[in-house]
Structure formats: structure tokens, C-alpha cells
Amino acid sequence: MSSFEHLQVQTTAGSEEEAKRIAEALVDERLAACVQIVGPIASRYRWQGKVEEAQEWLCLIKTTSTAYDAVQAAIRAAHSYDEPEIIAIPITLGSSGYLAWVEQNVDSEAGPGRGSA
């Protein structure tokens, strides 16, 4: 199955606890079918004119394009960073069963404060 209707969104968090809090919010609100947490990872980046290094946890979020705006809002609400990484990567190919599972477990009408369907 090929579709740009499915996304893998990624964000990084400054602690495992924060990554788990983001994952819980997204899955509990049915904004993501799954959030995989990878880490710790070493990040080196430029922020406000200085080179920084940090230990972070990477969240790989499986969702749909119709839920993206709500996913982004939920990440921002749960995140401690001033400007968190929020990158959406289209899933161009995937098994039809897996992509159907994502669709079944993401409610594009759900969102922070609106409850689960």
C-alpha cells in the first residue's frame, strides 16, 4: 500500500520521563497508534549562537496526516523545550495491514482535552 496519508513524526525529549509523558498523551488521546522511544541518544546542535551537547530520547510517532496538527499541538503542550523538534516524514510505502492498524487507532477528531473516541 502506498500513501502519504500516514506519517512518522519525530521529536526528541530531554529525559526518558518526558518522552514517556509525550507518548502517553499521544496514544491516550488517539493521536498516535504507537510511539517508540529510542535512547538515550547523543545530540550536538547549535542553539542561540552556541554549540550544545545533550542526552536526549527520540520519539518515533506513527500517525495520520489528518491528525498532524493535533499531534503537533499535543507535543508542544507536553514538551519542556522552547522549540522542540517536530518533523513529519511521509510513509510512502508500508504493509496494508500495518497502515490499516494505524488508521484504526488514530482518531483525527481527537485531540488534547477532547477525550478518546
PDB file of N, CA and C in Angstrom:
ATOM      1  N   MET A   1       0.851  -1.178   0.000  1.00  0.00           N
ATOM      2  CA  MET A   1       0.000   0.000   0.000  1.00  0.00           C
ATOM      3  C   MET A   1       0.894   1.237   0.000  1.00  0.00           C
ATOM      4  N   SER A   2       0.586   2.220  -0.795  1.00  0.00           N
ATOM      5  CA  SER A   2       1.327   3.468  -0.865  1.00  0.00           C
ATOM      6  C   SER A   2       0.396   4.607  -0.492  1.00  0.00           C
ATOM      7  N   SER A   3       0.866   5.484   0.403  1.00  0.00           N
ATOM      8  CA  SER A   3       0.002   6.570   0.824  1.00  0.00           C
ATOM      9  C   SER A   3       0.794   7.635   1.545  1.00  0.00           C
ATOM     10  N   PHE A   4       0.464   8.893   1.277  1.00  0.00           N
ATOM     11  CA  PHE A   4       1.023   9.982   2.058  1.00  0.00           C
ATOM     12  C   PHE A   4       0.073  10.341   3.185  1.00  0.00           C
ATOM     13  N   GLU A   5      -0.957   9.548   3.388  1.00  0.00           N
ATOM     14  CA  GLU A   5      -1.908   9.788   4.464  1.00  0.00           C
ATOM     15  C   GLU A   5      -1.344   9.356   5.805  1.00  0.00           C
ATOM     16  N   HIS A   6      -0.258   8.608   5.796  1.00  0.00           N
ATOM     17  CA  HIS A   6       0.363   8.105   7.011  1.00  0.00           C
ATOM     18  C   HIS A   6       1.684   8.820   7.230  1.00  0.00           C
ATOM     19  N   LEU A   7       1.978   9.129   8.496  1.00  0.00           N
ATOM     20  CA  LEU A   7       3.188   9.854   8.829  1.00  0.00           C
ATOM     21  C   LEU A   7       3.938   9.167   9.956  1.00  0.00           C
ATOM     22  N   GLN A   8       5.255   9.353   9.948  1.00  0.00           N
ATOM     23  CA  GLN A   8       6.049   9.111  11.134  1.00  0.00           C
ATOM     24  C   GLN A   8       6.547  10.482  11.566  1.00  0.00           C
ATOM     25  N   VAL A   9       6.107  10.914  12.722  1.00  0.00           N
ATOM     26  CA  VAL A   9       6.521  12.194  13.273  1.00  0.00           C
ATOM     27  C   VAL A   9       7.604  11.897  14.294  1.00  0.00           C
ATOM     28  N   GLN A  10       8.624  12.729  14.330  1.00  0.00           N
ATOM     29  CA  GLN A  10       9.646  12.514  15.338  1.00  0.00           C
ATOM     30  C   GLN A  10       9.857  13.777  16.147  1.00  0.00           C
ATOM     31  N   THR A  11      10.170  13.553  17.416  1.00  0.00           N
ATOM     32  CA  THR A  11      10.551  14.623  18.323  1.00  0.00           C
ATOM     33  C   THR A  11      11.580  14.053  19.283  1.00  0.00           C
ATOM     34  N   THR A  12      12.365  14.919  19.886  1.00  0.00           N
ATOM     35  CA  THR A  12      13.306  14.493  20.910  1.00  0.00           C
ATOM     36  C   THR A  12      12.889  15.113  22.230  1.00  0.00           C
ATOM     37  N   ALA A  13      13.219  14.424  23.322  1.00  0.00           N
ATOM     38  CA  ALA A  13      12.901  14.893  24.660  1.00  0.00           C
ATOM     39  C   ALA A  13      14.159  14.878  25.506  1.00  0.00           C
ATOM     40  N   GLY A  14      14.205  15.721  26.507  1.00  0.00           N
ATOM     41  CA  GLY A  14      15.380  15.854  27.342  1.00  0.00           C
ATOM     42  C   GLY A  14      15.527  14.810  28.424  1.00  0.00           C
ATOM     43  N   SER A  15      14.489  13.992  28.616  1.00  0.00           N
ATOM     44  CA  SER A  15      14.570  12.916  29.605  1.00  0.00           C
ATOM     45  C   SER A  15      13.662  11.774  29.162  1.00  0.00           C
ATOM     46  N   GLU A  16      13.943  10.592  29.698  1.00  0.00           N
ATOM     47  CA  GLU A  16      13.083   9.448  29.402  1.00  0.00           C
ATOM     48  C   GLU A  16      11.674   9.683  29.929  1.00  0.00           C
ATOM     49  N   GLU A  17      11.558  10.299  31.086  1.00  0.00           N
ATOM     50  CA  GLU A  17      10.249  10.577  31.671  1.00  0.00           C
ATOM     51  C   GLU A  17       9.429  11.503  30.775  1.00  0.00           C
ATOM     52  N   GLU A  18      10.081  12.530  30.221  1.00  0.00           N
ATOM     53  CA  GLU A  18       9.374  13.439  29.323  1.00  0.00           C
ATOM     54  C   GLU A  18       8.942  12.712  28.052  1.00  0.00           C
ATOM     55  N   ALA A  19       9.807  11.865  27.507  1.00  0.00           N
ATOM     56  CA  ALA A  19       9.455  11.088  26.314  1.00  0.00           C
ATOM     57  C   ALA A  19       8.245  10.200  26.604  1.00  0.00           C
ATOM     58  N   LYS A  20       8.233   9.551  27.760  1.00  0.00           N
ATOM     59  CA  LYS A  20       7.100   8.700  28.134  1.00  0.00           C
ATOM     60  C   LYS A  20       5.830   9.523  28.310  1.00  0.00           C
ATOM     61  N   ARG A  21       5.945  10.725  28.859  1.00  0.00           N
ATOM     62  CA  ARG A  21       4.780  11.602  29.039  1.00  0.00           C
ATOM     63  C   ARG A  21       4.205  12.020  27.676  1.00  0.00           C
ATOM     64  N   ILE A  22       5.075  12.334  26.730  1.00  0.00           N
ATOM     65  CA  ILE A  22       4.636  12.694  25.373  1.00  0.00           C
ATOM     66  C   ILE A  22       3.945  11.496  24.725  1.00  0.00           C
ATOM     67  N   ALA A  23       4.569  10.319  24.819  1.00  0.00           N
ATOM     68  CA  ALA A  23       3.993   9.103  24.229  1.00  0.00           C
ATOM     69  C   ALA A  23       2.627   8.805  24.831  1.00  0.00           C
ATOM     70  N   GLU A  24       2.525   8.902  26.148  1.00  0.00           N
ATOM     71  CA  GLU A  24       1.252   8.636  26.822  1.00  0.00           C
ATOM     72  C   GLU A  24       0.165   9.587  26.349  1.00  0.00           C
ATOM     73  N   ALA A  25       0.488  10.868  26.252  1.00  0.00           N
ATOM     74  CA  ALA A  25      -0.503  11.854  25.804  1.00  0.00           C
ATOM     75  C   ALA A  25      -0.982  11.539  24.388  1.00  0.00           C
ATOM     76  N   LEU A  26      -0.060  11.220  23.501  1.00  0.00           N
ATOM     77  CA  LEU A  26      -0.426  10.977  22.102  1.00  0.00           C
ATOM     78  C   LEU A  26      -1.249   9.704  21.926  1.00  0.00           C
ATOM     79  N   VAL A  27      -0.845   8.626  22.574  1.00  0.00           N
ATOM     80  CA  VAL A  27      -1.567   7.358  22.419  1.00  0.00           C
ATOM     81  C   VAL A  27      -2.902   7.414  23.157  1.00  0.00           C
ATOM     82  N   ASP A  28      -2.908   7.956  24.389  1.00  0.00           N
ATOM     83  CA  ASP A  28      -4.150   8.019  25.158  1.00  0.00           C
ATOM     84  C   ASP A  28      -5.204   8.884  24.475  1.00  0.00           C
ATOM     85  N   GLU A  29      -4.779   9.945  23.785  1.00  0.00           N
ATOM     86  CA  GLU A  29      -5.720  10.827  23.072  1.00  0.00           C
ATOM     87  C   GLU A  29      -6.037  10.324  21.663  1.00  0.00           C
ATOM     88  N   ARG A  30      -5.501   9.146  21.311  1.00  0.00           N
ATOM     89  CA  ARG A  30      -5.711   8.531  19.996  1.00  0.00           C
ATOM     90  C   ARG A  30      -5.193   9.399  18.856  1.00  0.00           C
ATOM     91  N   LEU A  31      -4.124  10.140  19.134  1.00  0.00           N
ATOM     92  CA  LEU A  31      -3.462  10.928  18.099  1.00  0.00           C
ATOM     93  C   LEU A  31      -2.361  10.133  17.422  1.00  0.00           C
ATOM     94  N   ALA A  32      -1.931   9.046  18.065  1.00  0.00           N
ATOM     95  CA  ALA A  32      -0.901   8.165  17.520  1.00  0.00           C
ATOM     96  C   ALA A  32      -1.289   6.731  17.818  1.00  0.00           C
ATOM     97  N   ALA A  33      -1.014   5.858  16.869  1.00  0.00           N
ATOM     98  CA  ALA A  33      -1.241   4.428  17.088  1.00  0.00           C
ATOM     99  C   ALA A  33      -0.129   3.851  17.944  1.00  0.00           C
ATOM    100  N   CYS A  34       1.070   4.415  17.817  1.00  0.00           N
ATOM    101  CA  CYS A  34       2.247   3.892  18.505  1.00  0.00           C
ATOM    102  C   CYS A  34       3.273   5.002  18.624  1.00  0.00           C
ATOM    103  N   VAL A  35       3.979   5.015  19.744  1.00  0.00           N
ATOM    104  CA  VAL A  35       5.143   5.884  19.900  1.00  0.00           C
ATOM    105  C   VAL A  35       6.281   5.014  20.402  1.00  0.00           C
ATOM    106  N   GLN A  36       7.335   4.947  19.623  1.00  0.00           N
ATOM    107  CA  GLN A  36       8.527   4.207  20.025  1.00  0.00           C
ATOM    108  C   GLN A  36       9.520   5.199  20.601  1.00  0.00           C
ATOM    109  N   ILE A  37      10.112   4.839  21.737  1.00  0.00           N
ATOM    110  CA  ILE A  37      11.083   5.697  22.397  1.00  0.00           C
ATOM    111  C   ILE A  37      12.455   5.039  22.284  1.00  0.00           C
ATOM    112  N   VAL A  38      13.395   5.778  21.713  1.00  0.00           N
ATOM    113  CA  VAL A  38      14.750   5.281  21.490  1.00  0.00           C
ATOM    114  C   VAL A  38      15.707   6.166  22.287  1.00  0.00           C
ATOM    115  N   GLY A  39      16.596   5.536  23.033  1.00  0.00           N
ATOM    116  CA  GLY A  39      17.567   6.371  23.721  1.00  0.00           C
ATOM    117  C   GLY A  39      18.181   5.685  24.909  1.00  0.00           C
ATOM    118  N   PRO A  40      19.064   6.373  25.501  1.00  0.00           N
ATOM    119  CA  PRO A  40      19.433   7.754  25.191  1.00  0.00           C
ATOM    120  C   PRO A  40      20.275   7.867  23.920  1.00  0.00           C
ATOM    121  N   ILE A  41      20.180   9.031  23.303  1.00  0.00           N
ATOM    122  CA  ILE A  41      20.981   9.362  22.134  1.00  0.00           C
ATOM    123  C   ILE A  41      21.797  10.610  22.468  1.00  0.00           C
ATOM    124  N   ALA A  42      22.925  10.781  21.795  1.00  0.00           N
ATOM    125  CA  ALA A  42      23.746  11.975  21.972  1.00  0.00           C
ATOM    126  C   ALA A  42      23.404  12.963  20.864  1.00  0.00           C
ATOM    127  N   SER A  43      23.084  14.181  21.252  1.00  0.00           N
ATOM    128  CA  SER A  43      22.762  15.226  20.281  1.00  0.00           C
ATOM    129  C   SER A  43      23.764  16.371  20.411  1.00  0.00           C
ATOM    130  N   ARG A  44      24.193  16.860  19.288  1.00  0.00           N
ATOM    131  CA  ARG A  44      25.064  18.048  19.224  1.00  0.00           C
ATOM    132  C   ARG A  44      24.383  19.011  18.268  1.00  0.00           C
ATOM    133  N   TYR A  45      24.169  20.230  18.718  1.00  0.00           N
ATOM    134  CA  TYR A  45      23.378  21.183  17.932  1.00  0.00           C
ATOM    135  C   TYR A  45      23.764  22.613  18.301  1.00  0.00           C
ATOM    136  N   ARG A  46      23.393  23.528  17.433  1.00  0.00           N
ATOM    137  CA  ARG A  46      23.615  24.946  17.687  1.00  0.00           C
ATOM    138  C   ARG A  46      22.290  25.529  18.192  1.00  0.00           C
ATOM    139  N   TRP A  47      22.350  26.224  19.328  1.00  0.00           N
ATOM    140  CA  TRP A  47      21.153  26.843  19.902  1.00  0.00           C
ATOM    141  C   TRP A  47      21.530  28.207  20.450  1.00  0.00           C
ATOM    142  N   GLN A  48      20.849  29.220  19.977  1.00  0.00           N
ATOM    143  CA  GLN A  48      21.061  30.603  20.394  1.00  0.00           C
ATOM    144  C   GLN A  48      22.532  30.999  20.306  1.00  0.00           C
ATOM    145  N   GLY A  49      23.160  30.634  19.184  1.00  0.00           N
ATOM    146  CA  GLY A  49      24.519  31.037  18.884  1.00  0.00           C
ATOM    147  C   GLY A  49      25.620  30.214  19.535  1.00  0.00           C
ATOM    148  N   LYS A  50      25.245  29.181  20.292  1.00  0.00           N
ATOM    149  CA  LYS A  50      26.248  28.348  20.957  1.00  0.00           C
ATOM    150  C   LYS A  50      26.066  26.894  20.556  1.00  0.00           C
ATOM    151  N   VAL A  51      27.183  26.168  20.504  1.00  0.00           N
ATOM    152  CA  VAL A  51      27.122  24.731  20.250  1.00  0.00           C
ATOM    153  C   VAL A  51      26.844  24.039  21.576  1.00  0.00           C
ATOM    154  N   GLU A  52      25.821  23.189  21.578  1.00  0.00           N
ATOM    155  CA  GLU A  52      25.384  22.478  22.778  1.00  0.00           C
ATOM    156  C   GLU A  52      25.504  20.976  22.548  1.00  0.00           C
ATOM    157  N   GLU A  53      25.605  20.238  23.625  1.00  0.00           N
ATOM    158  CA  GLU A  53      25.528  18.785  23.588  1.00  0.00           C
ATOM    159  C   GLU A  53      24.543  18.360  24.655  1.00  0.00           C
ATOM    160  N   ALA A  54      23.741  17.341  24.338  1.00  0.00           N
ATOM    161  CA  ALA A  54      22.738  16.878  25.297  1.00  0.00           C
ATOM    162  C   ALA A  54      22.458  15.400  25.084  1.00  0.00           C
ATOM    163  N   GLN A  55      22.003  14.785  26.144  1.00  0.00           N
ATOM    164  CA  GLN A  55      21.489  13.418  26.066  1.00  0.00           C
ATOM    165  C   GLN A  55      19.973  13.556  25.890  1.00  0.00           C
ATOM    166  N   GLU A  56      19.433  12.893  24.865  1.00  0.00           N
ATOM    167  CA  GLU A  56      18.012  13.008  24.565  1.00  0.00           C
ATOM    168  C   GLU A  56      17.416  11.636  24.286  1.00  0.00           C
ATOM    169  N   TRP A  57      16.090  11.606  24.221  1.00  0.00           N
ATOM    170  CA  TRP A  57      15.340  10.406  23.848  1.00  0.00           C
ATOM    171  C   TRP A  57      14.523  10.764  22.620  1.00  0.00           C
ATOM    172  N   LEU A  58      14.582   9.898  21.606  1.00  0.00           N
ATOM    173  CA  LEU A  58      13.904  10.107  20.332  1.00  0.00           C
ATOM    174  C   LEU A  58      12.558   9.401  20.355  1.00  0.00           C
ATOM    175  N   CYS A  59      11.510  10.129  20.034  1.00  0.00           N
ATOM    176  CA  CYS A  59      10.157   9.564  19.931  1.00  0.00           C
ATOM    177  C   CYS A  59       9.794   9.444  18.457  1.00  0.00           C
ATOM    178  N   LEU A  60       9.449   8.227  18.036  1.00  0.00           N
ATOM    179  CA  LEU A  60       9.004   7.949  16.668  1.00  0.00           C
ATOM    180  C   LEU A  60       7.504   7.686  16.745  1.00  0.00           C
ATOM    181  N   ILE A  61       6.724   8.573  16.178  1.00  0.00           N
ATOM    182  CA  ILE A  61       5.278   8.618  16.357  1.00  0.00           C
ATOM    183  C   ILE A  61       4.591   8.189  15.063  1.00  0.00           C
ATOM    184  N   LYS A  62       3.771   7.128  15.116  1.00  0.00           N
ATOM    185  CA  LYS A  62       3.036   6.649  13.944  1.00  0.00           C
ATOM    186  C   LYS A  62       1.629   7.246  13.989  1.00  0.00           C
ATOM    187  N   THR A  63       1.289   8.019  12.946  1.00  0.00           N
ATOM    188  CA  THR A  63       0.010   8.717  12.937  1.00  0.00           C
ATOM    189  C   THR A  63      -0.468   8.929  11.500  1.00  0.00           C
ATOM    190  N   THR A  64      -1.490   9.753  11.350  1.00  0.00           N
ATOM    191  CA  THR A  64      -2.032  10.076  10.023  1.00  0.00           C
ATOM    192  C   THR A  64      -1.854  11.566   9.756  1.00  0.00           C
ATOM    193  N   SER A  65      -1.890  11.931   8.486  1.00  0.00           N
ATOM    194  CA  SER A  65      -1.725  13.342   8.132  1.00  0.00           C
ATOM    195  C   SER A  65      -2.881  14.193   8.664  1.00  0.00           C
ATOM    196  N   THR A  66      -4.078  13.634   8.761  1.00  0.00           N
ATOM    197  CA  THR A  66      -5.206  14.417   9.274  1.00  0.00           C
ATOM    198  C   THR A  66      -5.067  14.716  10.764  1.00  0.00           C
ATOM    199  N   ALA A  67      -4.304  13.927  11.472  1.00  0.00           N
ATOM    200  CA  ALA A  67      -4.102  14.157  12.909  1.00  0.00           C
ATOM    201  C   ALA A  67      -2.876  15.014  13.195  1.00  0.00           C
ATOM    202  N   TYR A  68      -2.112  15.382  12.162  1.00  0.00           N
ATOM    203  CA  TYR A  68      -0.830  16.057  12.389  1.00  0.00           C
ATOM    204  C   TYR A  68      -0.950  17.332  13.223  1.00  0.00           C
ATOM    205  N   ASP A  69      -1.872  18.213  12.907  1.00  0.00           N
ATOM    206  CA  ASP A  69      -1.971  19.472  13.650  1.00  0.00           C
ATOM    207  C   ASP A  69      -2.209  19.218  15.137  1.00  0.00           C
ATOM    208  N   ALA A  70      -3.067  18.266  15.454  1.00  0.00           N
ATOM    209  CA  ALA A  70      -3.331  17.925  16.855  1.00  0.00           C
ATOM    210  C   ALA A  70      -2.118  17.265  17.501  1.00  0.00           C
ATOM    211  N   VAL A  71      -1.382  16.443  16.735  1.00  0.00           N
ATOM    212  CA  VAL A  71      -0.147  15.832  17.244  1.00  0.00           C
ATOM    213  C   VAL A  71       0.854  16.925  17.597  1.00  0.00           C
ATOM    214  N   GLN A  72       1.051  17.862  16.684  1.00  0.00           N
ATOM    215  CA  GLN A  72       1.984  18.954  16.937  1.00  0.00           C
ATOM    216  C   GLN A  72       1.578  19.747  18.178  1.00  0.00           C
ATOM    217  N   ALA A  73       0.298  20.067  18.317  1.00  0.00           N
ATOM    218  CA  ALA A  73      -0.180  20.816  19.484  1.00  0.00           C
ATOM    219  C   ALA A  73       0.035  20.033  20.778  1.00  0.00           C
ATOM    220  N   ALA A  74      -0.205  18.727  20.743  1.00  0.00           N
ATOM    221  CA  ALA A  74      -0.030  17.899  21.937  1.00  0.00           C
ATOM    222  C   ALA A  74       1.446  17.799  22.323  1.00  0.00           C
ATOM    223  N   ILE A  75       2.319  17.677  21.331  1.00  0.00           N
ATOM    224  CA  ILE A  75       3.755  17.643  21.622  1.00  0.00           C
ATOM    225  C   ILE A  75       4.173  18.951  22.279  1.00  0.00           C
ATOM    226  N   ARG A  76       3.771  20.065  21.694  1.00  0.00           N
ATOM    227  CA  ARG A  76       4.144  21.374  22.258  1.00  0.00           C
ATOM    228  C   ARG A  76       3.607  21.534  23.684  1.00  0.00           C
ATOM    229  N   ALA A  77       2.402  21.067  23.943  1.00  0.00           N
ATOM    230  CA  ALA A  77       1.804  21.197  25.277  1.00  0.00           C
ATOM    231  C   ALA A  77       2.544  20.372  26.321  1.00  0.00           C
ATOM    232  N   ALA A  78       3.081  19.220  25.920  1.00  0.00           N
ATOM    233  CA  ALA A  78       3.737  18.309  26.863  1.00  0.00           C
ATOM    234  C   ALA A  78       5.244  18.524  26.952  1.00  0.00           C
ATOM    235  N   HIS A  79       5.798  19.349  26.073  1.00  0.00           N
ATOM    236  CA  HIS A  79       7.250  19.456  25.918  1.00  0.00           C
ATOM    237  C   HIS A  79       7.842  20.571  26.768  1.00  0.00           C
ATOM    238  N   SER A  80       9.070  20.355  27.235  1.00  0.00           N
ATOM    239  CA  SER A  80       9.768  21.376  28.022  1.00  0.00           C
ATOM    240  C   SER A  80      10.632  22.299  27.170  1.00  0.00           C
ATOM    241  N   TYR A  81      10.925  21.924  25.935  1.00  0.00           N
ATOM    242  CA  TYR A  81      11.802  22.738  25.087  1.00  0.00           C
ATOM    243  C   TYR A  81      11.071  23.974  24.572  1.00  0.00           C
ATOM    244  N   ASP A  82      11.813  25.075  24.405  1.00  0.00           N
ATOM    245  CA  ASP A  82      11.245  26.289  23.804  1.00  0.00           C
ATOM    246  C   ASP A  82      10.807  26.023  22.371  1.00  0.00           C
ATOM    247  N   GLU A  83      11.629  25.291  21.631  1.00  0.00           N
ATOM    248  CA  GLU A  83      11.323  24.960  20.230  1.00  0.00           C
ATOM    249  C   GLU A  83      11.666  23.505  19.981  1.00  0.00           C
ATOM    250  N   PRO A  84      10.747  22.592  20.296  1.00  0.00           N
ATOM    251  CA  PRO A  84      11.045  21.169  20.110  1.00  0.00           C
ATOM    252  C   PRO A  84      11.120  20.788  18.637  1.00  0.00           C
ATOM    253  N   GLU A  85      11.944  19.788  18.373  1.00  0.00           N
ATOM    254  CA  GLU A  85      11.976  19.192  17.038  1.00  0.00           C
ATOM    255  C   GLU A  85      10.632  18.498  16.814  1.00  0.00           C
ATOM    256  N   ILE A  86       9.956  18.881  15.747  1.00  0.00           N
ATOM    257  CA  ILE A  86       8.730  18.188  15.327  1.00  0.00           C
ATOM    258  C   ILE A  86       8.836  18.069  13.813  1.00  0.00           C
ATOM    259  N   ILE A  87       9.157  16.871  13.354  1.00  0.00           N
ATOM    260  CA  ILE A  87       9.368  16.624  11.929  1.00  0.00           C
ATOM    261  C   ILE A  87       8.438  15.503  11.496  1.00  0.00           C
ATOM    262  N   ALA A  88       7.688  15.730  10.434  1.00  0.00           N
ATOM    263  CA  ALA A  88       6.790  14.715   9.895  1.00  0.00           C
ATOM    264  C   ALA A  88       7.384  14.153   8.615  1.00  0.00           C
ATOM    265  N   ILE A  89       7.513  12.830   8.592  1.00  0.00           N
ATOM    266  CA  ILE A  89       8.056  12.136   7.436  1.00  0.00           C
ATOM    267  C   ILE A  89       6.940  11.295   6.824  1.00  0.00           C
ATOM    268  N   PRO A  90       6.589  11.541   5.557  1.00  0.00           N
ATOM    269  CA  PRO A  90       5.532  10.738   4.936  1.00  0.00           C
ATOM    270  C   PRO A  90       5.944   9.273   4.830  1.00  0.00           C
ATOM    271  N   ILE A  91       5.013   8.405   5.108  1.00  0.00           N
ATOM    272  CA  ILE A  91       5.225   6.975   4.886  1.00  0.00           C
ATOM    273  C   ILE A  91       4.753   6.704   3.468  1.00  0.00           C
ATOM    274  N   THR A  92       5.689   6.484   2.575  1.00  0.00           N
ATOM    275  CA  THR A  92       5.338   6.314   1.166  1.00  0.00           C
ATOM    276  C   THR A  92       4.925   4.887   0.837  1.00  0.00           C
ATOM    277  N   LEU A  93       5.445   3.931   1.568  1.00  0.00           N
ATOM    278  CA  LEU A  93       5.082   2.534   1.378  1.00  0.00           C
ATOM    279  C   LEU A  93       5.012   1.856   2.736  1.00  0.00           C
ATOM    280  N   GLY A  94       4.133   0.889   2.853  1.00  0.00           N
ATOM    281  CA  GLY A  94       4.022   0.121   4.085  1.00  0.00           C
ATOM    282  C   GLY A  94       3.064  -1.022   3.873  1.00  0.00           C
ATOM    283  N   SER A  95       3.114  -2.001   4.753  1.00  0.00           N
ATOM    284  CA  SER A  95       2.194  -3.124   4.608  1.00  0.00           C
ATOM    285  C   SER A  95       0.768  -2.626   4.831  1.00  0.00           C
ATOM    286  N   SER A  96      -0.148  -3.120   4.036  1.00  0.00           N
ATOM    287  CA  SER A  96      -1.535  -2.652   4.125  1.00  0.00           C
ATOM    288  C   SER A  96      -2.123  -2.939   5.504  1.00  0.00           C
ATOM    289  N   GLY A  97      -1.763  -4.075   6.100  1.00  0.00           N
ATOM    290  CA  GLY A  97      -2.274  -4.397   7.429  1.00  0.00           C
ATOM    291  C   GLY A  97      -1.793  -3.421   8.488  1.00  0.00           C
ATOM    292  N   TYR A  98      -0.506  -3.066   8.444  1.00  0.00           N
ATOM    293  CA  TYR A  98       0.051  -2.124   9.422  1.00  0.00           C
ATOM    294  C   TYR A  98      -0.575  -0.748   9.256  1.00  0.00           C
ATOM    295  N   LEU A  99      -0.665  -0.266   8.015  1.00  0.00           N
ATOM    296  CA  LEU A  99      -1.227   1.064   7.783  1.00  0.00           C
ATOM    297  C   LEU A  99      -2.708   1.109   8.162  1.00  0.00           C
ATOM    298  N   ALA A 100      -3.432   0.022   7.936  1.00  0.00           N
ATOM    299  CA  ALA A 100      -4.834  -0.043   8.375  1.00  0.00           C
ATOM    300  C   ALA A 100      -4.906   0.019   9.894  1.00  0.00           C
ATOM    301  N   TRP A 101      -3.977  -0.655  10.578  1.00  0.00           N
ATOM    302  CA  TRP A 101      -3.930  -0.622  12.041  1.00  0.00           C
ATOM    303  C   TRP A 101      -3.692   0.798  12.545  1.00  0.00           C
ATOM    304  N   VAL A 102      -2.786   1.532  11.884  1.00  0.00           N
ATOM    305  CA  VAL A 102      -2.544   2.926  12.264  1.00  0.00           C
ATOM    306  C   VAL A 102      -3.844   3.715  12.144  1.00  0.00           C
ATOM    307  N   GLU A 103      -4.518   3.585  11.001  1.00  0.00           N
ATOM    308  CA  GLU A 103      -5.769   4.317  10.788  1.00  0.00           C
ATOM    309  C   GLU A 103      -6.825   3.970  11.839  1.00  0.00           C
ATOM    310  N   GLN A 104      -6.925   2.695  12.190  1.00  0.00           N
ATOM    311  CA  GLN A 104      -7.916   2.255  13.164  1.00  0.00           C
ATOM    312  C   GLN A 104      -7.648   2.790  14.556  1.00  0.00           C
ATOM    313  N   ASN A 105      -6.397   3.125  14.841  1.00  0.00           N
ATOM    314  CA  ASN A 105      -6.027   3.535  16.184  1.00  0.00           C
ATOM    315  C   ASN A 105      -5.717   5.018  16.324  1.00  0.00           C
ATOM    316  N   VAL A 106      -5.936   5.770  15.263  1.00  0.00           N
ATOM    317  CA  VAL A 106      -5.789   7.222  15.304  1.00  0.00           C
ATOM    318  C   VAL A 106      -7.146   7.831  14.987  1.00  0.00           C
ATOM    319  N   ASP A 107      -7.600   8.683  15.877  1.00  0.00           N
ATOM    320  CA  ASP A 107      -8.872   9.381  15.685  1.00  0.00           C
ATOM    321  C   ASP A 107      -8.554  10.818  15.317  1.00  0.00           C
ATOM    322  N   SER A 108      -8.720  11.177  14.059  1.00  0.00           N
ATOM    323  CA  SER A 108      -8.360  12.517  13.605  1.00  0.00           C
ATOM    324  C   SER A 108      -9.220  13.597  14.249  1.00  0.00           C
ATOM    325  N   GLU A 109     -10.329  13.211  14.853  1.00  0.00           N
ATOM    326  CA  GLU A 109     -11.183  14.174  15.555  1.00  0.00           C
ATOM    327  C   GLU A 109     -10.759  14.352  17.001  1.00  0.00           C
ATOM    328  N   ALA A 110      -9.909  13.448  17.507  1.00  0.00           N
ATOM    329  CA  ALA A 110      -9.463  13.550  18.902  1.00  0.00           C
ATOM    330  C   ALA A 110      -8.396  14.618  19.015  1.00  0.00           C
ATOM    331  N   GLY A 111      -8.114  14.965  20.227  1.00  0.00           N
ATOM    332  CA  GLY A 111      -7.060  15.950  20.471  1.00  0.00           C
ATOM    333  C   GLY A 111      -6.986  16.260  21.938  1.00  0.00           C
ATOM    334  N   PRO A 112      -5.992  17.024  22.323  1.00  0.00           N
ATOM    335  CA  PRO A 112      -5.827  17.357  23.726  1.00  0.00           C
ATOM    336  C   PRO A 112      -7.095  17.969  24.315  1.00  0.00           C
ATOM    337  N   GLY A 113      -7.553  17.400  25.384  1.00  0.00           N
ATOM    338  CA  GLY A 113      -8.731  17.910  26.064  1.00  0.00           C
ATOM    339  C   GLY A 113     -10.062  17.488  25.476  1.00  0.00           C
ATOM    340  N   ARG A 114     -10.047  16.761  24.361  1.00  0.00           N
ATOM    341  CA  ARG A 114     -11.300  16.352  23.734  1.00  0.00           C
ATOM    342  C   ARG A 114     -11.646  14.910  24.037  1.00  0.00           C
ATOM    343  N   GLY A 115     -10.738  14.188  24.692  1.00  0.00           N
ATOM    344  CA  GLY A 115     -11.029  12.805  25.072  1.00  0.00           C
ATOM    345  C   GLY A 115     -10.833  11.836  23.939  1.00  0.00           C
ATOM    346  N   SER A 116     -10.935  10.553  24.251  1.00  0.00           N
ATOM    347  CA  SER A 116     -10.748   9.490  23.273  1.00  0.00           C
ATOM    348  C   SER A 116     -12.076   9.068  22.688  1.00  0.00           C
ATOM    349  N   ALA A 117     -12.007   8.577  21.459  1.00  0.00           N
ATOM    350  CA  ALA A 117     -13.216   8.087  20.802  1.00  0.00           C
ATOM    351  C   ALA A 117     -13.251   6.582  20.907  1.00  0.00           C
TER     352      ALA A 117
END
